[in-house]
Amino acid sequence: MRTKTYTLKKEEHFNQILSENSERIQRICRYYNSNTEDQKDMYQEVLVNIWKSLDNFRGDSAISTWVYRVAVNTSLSFTGKTFKQMKLIVNTDTQNLSSILDDESLETKHKEEAQFNQLQNELNQLSVIDKALISLMLEGLSMKEIGDVIGITEPNVKVKIHRIKAQLKTKLTGGVTYEF
């Protein structure tokens, strides 16, 4: 009887996690795979991994941070040997896209689309860890949460993201560096 009660509690907890984080998980899957069917498979794999490791969640971080960690690690594992060629799929309605680009540089739709396409190309040149950092930043996670997900310190996250943004700005401005 104890096992049945425990399983019900675990299932309720899992369903609550799913209801609160489903969209986040789907976005992570979209970031790491452009193929809709692969995204669905990846999403299912994330859910399986959340279920399997739910008993190991210690509460050291927010449950959403832990879910991001499972989702990112699963996504990276799912892509397997091709993860170095993995494309980070960002679309123009991504909420926090302006955290990479300056709002002023998006004055016209044409300029926005051209810059977006160039940004997409540059993002796909990043290393796997840098892609993970950027995808989590686009999700709106704090530097501390990103560090918890990736497994590095908050100051290290800040330095890495600062360097990535500087590198992107340099490339997006044709090698001319501006103070932002």
C-alpha atoms as a PDB file:
ATOM      1  CA  MET A   1       0.000   0.000   0.000  1.00  0.00           C
ATOM      2  CA  ARG A   2       2.875   2.361   0.800  1.00  0.00           C
ATOM      3  CA  THR A   3       4.288   1.949  -2.718  1.00  0.00           C
ATOM      4  CA  LYS A   4       0.922   2.749  -4.304  1.00  0.00           C
ATOM      5  CA  THR A   5       0.536   5.907  -2.188  1.00  0.00           C
ATOM      6  CA  TYR A   6       4.110   6.933  -2.962  1.00  0.00           C
ATOM      7  CA  THR A   7       3.551   6.375  -6.688  1.00  0.00           C
ATOM      8  CA  LEU A   8       0.410   8.512  -6.587  1.00  0.00           C
ATOM      9  CA  LYS A   9       2.278  11.337  -4.844  1.00  0.00           C
ATOM     10  CA  LYS A  10       5.120  11.079  -7.342  1.00  0.00           C
ATOM     11  CA  GLU A  11       2.635  11.127 -10.193  1.00  0.00           C
ATOM     12  CA  GLU A  12       0.868  14.185  -8.772  1.00  0.00           C
ATOM     13  CA  HIS A  13       4.207  15.949  -8.296  1.00  0.00           C
ATOM     14  CA  PHE A  14       5.251  15.022 -11.845  1.00  0.00           C
ATOM     15  CA  ASN A  15       1.947  16.305 -13.262  1.00  0.00           C
ATOM     16  CA  GLN A  16       2.363  19.576 -11.356  1.00  0.00           C
ATOM     17  CA  ILE A  17       5.916  19.963 -12.686  1.00  0.00           C
ATOM     18  CA  LEU A  18       4.649  19.238 -16.183  1.00  0.00           C
ATOM     19  CA  SER A  19       1.783  21.740 -15.960  1.00  0.00           C
ATOM     20  CA  GLU A  20       4.165  24.473 -14.728  1.00  0.00           C
ATOM     21  CA  ASN A  21       7.063  23.734 -17.094  1.00  0.00           C
ATOM     22  CA  SER A  22       5.658  22.170 -20.256  1.00  0.00           C
ATOM     23  CA  GLU A  23       6.078  25.297 -22.395  1.00  0.00           C
ATOM     24  CA  ARG A  24       9.639  25.815 -21.135  1.00  0.00           C
ATOM     25  CA  ILE A  25      10.554  22.251 -22.002  1.00  0.00           C
ATOM     26  CA  GLN A  26       9.036  22.621 -25.469  1.00  0.00           C
ATOM     27  CA  ARG A  27      11.010  25.830 -26.081  1.00  0.00           C
ATOM     28  CA  ILE A  28      14.254  24.143 -25.042  1.00  0.00           C
ATOM     29  CA  CYS A  29      13.482  21.299 -27.446  1.00  0.00           C
ATOM     30  CA  ARG A  30      12.838  23.835 -30.230  1.00  0.00           C
ATOM     31  CA  TYR A  31      16.121  25.627 -29.459  1.00  0.00           C
ATOM     32  CA  TYR A  32      18.065  22.423 -29.974  1.00  0.00           C
ATOM     33  CA  ASN A  33      16.240  20.848 -32.902  1.00  0.00           C
ATOM     34  CA  SER A  34      14.482  22.281 -35.940  1.00  0.00           C
ATOM     35  CA  ASN A  35      12.728  19.027 -36.885  1.00  0.00           C
ATOM     36  CA  THR A  36       9.210  18.901 -35.403  1.00  0.00           C
ATOM     37  CA  GLU A  37       9.179  15.123 -34.994  1.00  0.00           C
ATOM     38  CA  ASP A  38      12.586  15.163 -33.308  1.00  0.00           C
ATOM     39  CA  GLN A  39      11.356  17.937 -31.025  1.00  0.00           C
ATOM     40  CA  LYS A  40       8.451  15.716 -29.960  1.00  0.00           C
ATOM     41  CA  ASP A  41      10.789  12.783 -29.363  1.00  0.00           C
ATOM     42  CA  MET A  42      13.178  15.014 -27.429  1.00  0.00           C
ATOM     43  CA  TYR A  43      10.276  16.360 -25.352  1.00  0.00           C
ATOM     44  CA  GLN A  44       9.214  12.816 -24.468  1.00  0.00           C
ATOM     45  CA  GLU A  45      12.791  11.940 -23.560  1.00  0.00           C
ATOM     46  CA  VAL A  46      12.957  14.977 -21.250  1.00  0.00           C
ATOM     47  CA  LEU A  47       9.736  13.862 -19.554  1.00  0.00           C
ATOM     48  CA  VAL A  48      11.084  10.337 -19.094  1.00  0.00           C
ATOM     49  CA  ASN A  49      14.282  11.730 -17.570  1.00  0.00           C
ATOM     50  CA  ILE A  50      12.347  14.036 -15.256  1.00  0.00           C
ATOM     51  CA  TRP A  51      10.258  11.069 -14.086  1.00  0.00           C
ATOM     52  CA  LYS A  52      13.312   8.855 -13.597  1.00  0.00           C
ATOM     53  CA  SER A  53      15.250  11.447 -11.648  1.00  0.00           C
ATOM     54  CA  LEU A  54      12.385  13.023  -9.706  1.00  0.00           C
ATOM     55  CA  ASP A  55      13.279  10.982  -6.618  1.00  0.00           C
ATOM     56  CA  ASN A  56      16.804  12.426  -6.753  1.00  0.00           C
ATOM     57  CA  PHE A  57      15.670  16.072  -6.698  1.00  0.00           C
ATOM     58  CA  ARG A  58      17.072  17.403  -3.411  1.00  0.00           C
ATOM     59  CA  GLY A  59      15.552  20.862  -3.501  1.00  0.00           C
ATOM     60  CA  ASP A  60      18.937  22.627  -3.608  1.00  0.00           C
ATOM     61  CA  SER A  61      17.561  24.821  -6.391  1.00  0.00           C
ATOM     62  CA  ALA A  62      14.150  25.819  -7.659  1.00  0.00           C
ATOM     63  CA  ILE A  63      12.273  23.008  -9.362  1.00  0.00           C
ATOM     64  CA  SER A  64      12.180  25.082 -12.579  1.00  0.00           C
ATOM     65  CA  THR A  65      15.989  25.347 -12.547  1.00  0.00           C
ATOM     66  CA  TRP A  66      16.250  21.593 -12.088  1.00  0.00           C
ATOM     67  CA  VAL A  67      13.783  21.048 -14.970  1.00  0.00           C
ATOM     68  CA  TYR A  68      15.909  23.311 -17.196  1.00  0.00           C
ATOM     69  CA  ARG A  69      18.982  21.303 -16.262  1.00  0.00           C
ATOM     70  CA  VAL A  70      17.282  18.006 -17.148  1.00  0.00           C
ATOM     71  CA  ALA A  71      15.908  19.519 -20.382  1.00  0.00           C
ATOM     72  CA  VAL A  72      19.227  20.987 -21.526  1.00  0.00           C
ATOM     73  CA  ASN A  73      21.230  17.870 -20.640  1.00  0.00           C
ATOM     74  CA  THR A  74      18.663  15.633 -22.337  1.00  0.00           C
ATOM     75  CA  SER A  75      18.632  17.866 -25.416  1.00  0.00           C
ATOM     76  CA  LEU A  76      22.405  17.776 -25.647  1.00  0.00           C
ATOM     77  CA  SER A  77      22.444  14.000 -25.188  1.00  0.00           C
ATOM     78  CA  PHE A  78      19.595  13.552 -27.651  1.00  0.00           C
ATOM     79  CA  THR A  79      21.531  15.271 -30.404  1.00  0.00           C
ATOM     80  CA  GLY A  80      24.322  12.766 -29.795  1.00  0.00           C
ATOM     81  CA  LYS A  81      27.322  12.903 -32.055  1.00  0.00           C
ATOM     82  CA  THR A  82      25.872  15.747 -34.095  1.00  0.00           C
ATOM     83  CA  PHE A  83      25.752  18.213 -31.188  1.00  0.00           C
ATOM     84  CA  LYS A  84      28.802  20.090 -32.452  1.00  0.00           C
ATOM     85  CA  GLN A  85      26.894  20.845 -35.644  1.00  0.00           C
ATOM     86  CA  MET A  86      23.690  21.423 -33.688  1.00  0.00           C
ATOM     87  CA  LYS A  87      21.817  24.536 -34.669  1.00  0.00           C
ATOM     88  CA  LEU A  88      20.374  26.811 -32.026  1.00  0.00           C
ATOM     89  CA  ILE A  89      16.912  27.609 -33.347  1.00  0.00           C
ATOM     90  CA  VAL A  90      15.780  31.064 -32.294  1.00  0.00           C
ATOM     91  CA  ASN A  91      12.729  32.784 -33.707  1.00  0.00           C
ATOM     92  CA  THR A  92      11.893  36.466 -33.749  1.00  0.00           C
ATOM     93  CA  ASP A  93       9.192  36.131 -31.104  1.00  0.00           C
ATOM     94  CA  THR A  94      11.646  34.854 -28.508  1.00  0.00           C
ATOM     95  CA  GLN A  95      10.886  37.000 -25.455  1.00  0.00           C
ATOM     96  CA  ASN A  96      14.387  37.923 -24.416  1.00  0.00           C
ATOM     97  CA  LEU A  97      15.971  38.348 -27.835  1.00  0.00           C
ATOM     98  CA  SER A  98      16.640  42.003 -27.030  1.00  0.00           C
ATOM     99  CA  SER A  99      18.999  40.845 -24.264  1.00  0.00           C
ATOM    100  CA  ILE A 100      21.436  39.945 -27.046  1.00  0.00           C
ATOM    101  CA  LEU A 101      20.648  42.752 -29.469  1.00  0.00           C
ATOM    102  CA  ASP A 102      20.208  46.433 -28.743  1.00  0.00           C
ATOM    103  CA  ASP A 103      16.633  47.641 -29.131  1.00  0.00           C
ATOM    104  CA  GLU A 104      17.848  50.696 -31.053  1.00  0.00           C
ATOM    105  CA  SER A 105      19.400  48.465 -33.696  1.00  0.00           C
ATOM    106  CA  LEU A 106      15.968  47.030 -34.533  1.00  0.00           C
ATOM    107  CA  GLU A 107      14.462  50.220 -35.973  1.00  0.00           C
ATOM    108  CA  THR A 108      13.087  48.853 -39.211  1.00  0.00           C
ATOM    109  CA  LYS A 109      11.580  45.508 -40.053  1.00  0.00           C
ATOM    110  CA  HIS A 110      14.022  44.955 -42.909  1.00  0.00           C
ATOM    111  CA  LYS A 111      17.028  45.745 -40.772  1.00  0.00           C
ATOM    112  CA  GLU A 112      15.601  43.559 -38.014  1.00  0.00           C
ATOM    113  CA  GLU A 113      15.204  40.569 -40.331  1.00  0.00           C
ATOM    114  CA  ALA A 114      18.685  40.968 -41.791  1.00  0.00           C
ATOM    115  CA  GLN A 115      20.232  41.321 -38.350  1.00  0.00           C
ATOM    116  CA  PHE A 116      18.172  38.422 -37.056  1.00  0.00           C
ATOM    117  CA  ASN A 117      19.399  36.159 -39.874  1.00  0.00           C
ATOM    118  CA  GLN A 118      22.981  37.209 -39.210  1.00  0.00           C
ATOM    119  CA  LEU A 119      22.469  36.627 -35.469  1.00  0.00           C
ATOM    120  CA  GLN A 120      21.035  33.168 -36.174  1.00  0.00           C
ATOM    121  CA  ASN A 121      24.125  32.340 -38.253  1.00  0.00           C
ATOM    122  CA  GLU A 122      26.501  33.648 -35.578  1.00  0.00           C
ATOM    123  CA  LEU A 123      24.669  31.784 -32.791  1.00  0.00           C
ATOM    124  CA  ASN A 124      25.132  28.578 -34.716  1.00  0.00           C
ATOM    125  CA  GLN A 125      28.887  29.157 -34.789  1.00  0.00           C
ATOM    126  CA  LEU A 126      29.029  29.107 -30.980  1.00  0.00           C
ATOM    127  CA  SER A 127      30.341  26.163 -28.990  1.00  0.00           C
ATOM    128  CA  VAL A 128      27.841  23.773 -27.411  1.00  0.00           C
ATOM    129  CA  ILE A 129      28.249  25.301 -23.949  1.00  0.00           C
ATOM    130  CA  ASP A 130      27.862  28.833 -25.343  1.00  0.00           C
ATOM    131  CA  LYS A 131      24.684  27.759 -27.180  1.00  0.00           C
ATOM    132  CA  ALA A 132      23.345  26.344 -23.920  1.00  0.00           C
ATOM    133  CA  LEU A 133      24.190  29.579 -22.070  1.00  0.00           C
ATOM    134  CA  ILE A 134      22.470  31.721 -24.693  1.00  0.00           C
ATOM    135  CA  SER A 135      19.383  29.499 -24.866  1.00  0.00           C
ATOM    136  CA  LEU A 136      18.949  29.738 -21.095  1.00  0.00           C
ATOM    137  CA  MET A 137      19.484  33.498 -21.184  1.00  0.00           C
ATOM    138  CA  LEU A 138      16.809  33.718 -23.886  1.00  0.00           C
ATOM    139  CA  GLU A 139      14.547  31.781 -21.542  1.00  0.00           C
ATOM    140  CA  GLY A 140      14.983  34.596 -19.028  1.00  0.00           C
ATOM    141  CA  LEU A 141      16.880  32.650 -16.369  1.00  0.00           C
ATOM    142  CA  SER A 142      19.001  34.605 -13.923  1.00  0.00           C
ATOM    143  CA  MET A 143      22.783  34.232 -14.038  1.00  0.00           C
ATOM    144  CA  LYS A 144      22.620  32.140 -10.868  1.00  0.00           C
ATOM    145  CA  GLU A 145      19.972  29.838 -12.346  1.00  0.00           C
ATOM    146  CA  ILE A 146      21.992  29.447 -15.544  1.00  0.00           C
ATOM    147  CA  GLY A 147      25.025  28.532 -13.455  1.00  0.00           C
ATOM    148  CA  ASP A 148      22.975  25.957 -11.560  1.00  0.00           C
ATOM    149  CA  VAL A 149      21.699  24.434 -14.807  1.00  0.00           C
ATOM    150  CA  ILE A 150      25.071  24.357 -16.574  1.00  0.00           C
ATOM    151  CA  GLY A 151      27.099  23.503 -13.490  1.00  0.00           C
ATOM    152  CA  ILE A 152      29.378  26.539 -13.369  1.00  0.00           C
ATOM    153  CA  THR A 153      29.591  29.483 -10.983  1.00  0.00           C
ATOM    154  CA  GLU A 154      27.471  32.594 -11.382  1.00  0.00           C
ATOM    155  CA  PRO A 155      30.545  34.840 -11.972  1.00  0.00           C
ATOM    156  CA  ASN A 156      31.728  32.415 -14.657  1.00  0.00           C
ATOM    157  CA  VAL A 157      28.291  32.617 -16.332  1.00  0.00           C
ATOM    158  CA  LYS A 158      28.465  36.428 -16.287  1.00  0.00           C
ATOM    159  CA  VAL A 159      31.933  36.431 -17.836  1.00  0.00           C
ATOM    160  CA  LYS A 160      31.003  33.882 -20.500  1.00  0.00           C
ATOM    161  CA  ILE A 161      27.782  35.669 -21.459  1.00  0.00           C
ATOM    162  CA  HIS A 162      29.561  39.038 -21.527  1.00  0.00           C
ATOM    163  CA  ARG A 163      32.205  37.579 -23.858  1.00  0.00           C
ATOM    164  CA  ILE A 164      29.583  35.920 -26.080  1.00  0.00           C
ATOM    165  CA  LYS A 165      27.609  39.162 -26.354  1.00  0.00           C
ATOM    166  CA  ALA A 166      30.758  41.162 -27.115  1.00  0.00           C
ATOM    167  CA  GLN A 167      31.771  38.614 -29.749  1.00  0.00           C
ATOM    168  CA  LEU A 168      28.292  38.709 -31.317  1.00  0.00           C
ATOM    169  CA  LYS A 169      28.179  42.519 -31.321  1.00  0.00           C
ATOM    170  CA  THR A 170      31.576  42.696 -32.985  1.00  0.00           C
ATOM    171  CA  LYS A 171      30.511  40.243 -35.682  1.00  0.00           C
ATOM    172  CA  LEU A 172      27.103  41.866 -36.168  1.00  0.00           C
ATOM    173  CA  THR A 173      28.668  45.307 -36.605  1.00  0.00           C
ATOM    174  CA  GLY A 174      31.173  44.078 -39.177  1.00  0.00           C
ATOM    175  CA  GLY A 175      34.146  44.076 -36.839  1.00  0.00           C
ATOM    176  CA  VAL A 176      33.522  47.604 -35.580  1.00  0.00           C
ATOM    177  CA  THR A 177      33.247  47.654 -31.819  1.00  0.00           C
ATOM    178  CA  TYR A 178      30.949  50.135 -30.155  1.00  0.00           C
ATOM    179  CA  GLU A 179      30.478  50.815 -26.477  1.00  0.00           C
ATOM    180  CA  PHE A 180      26.997  49.653 -25.469  1.00  0.00           C
END
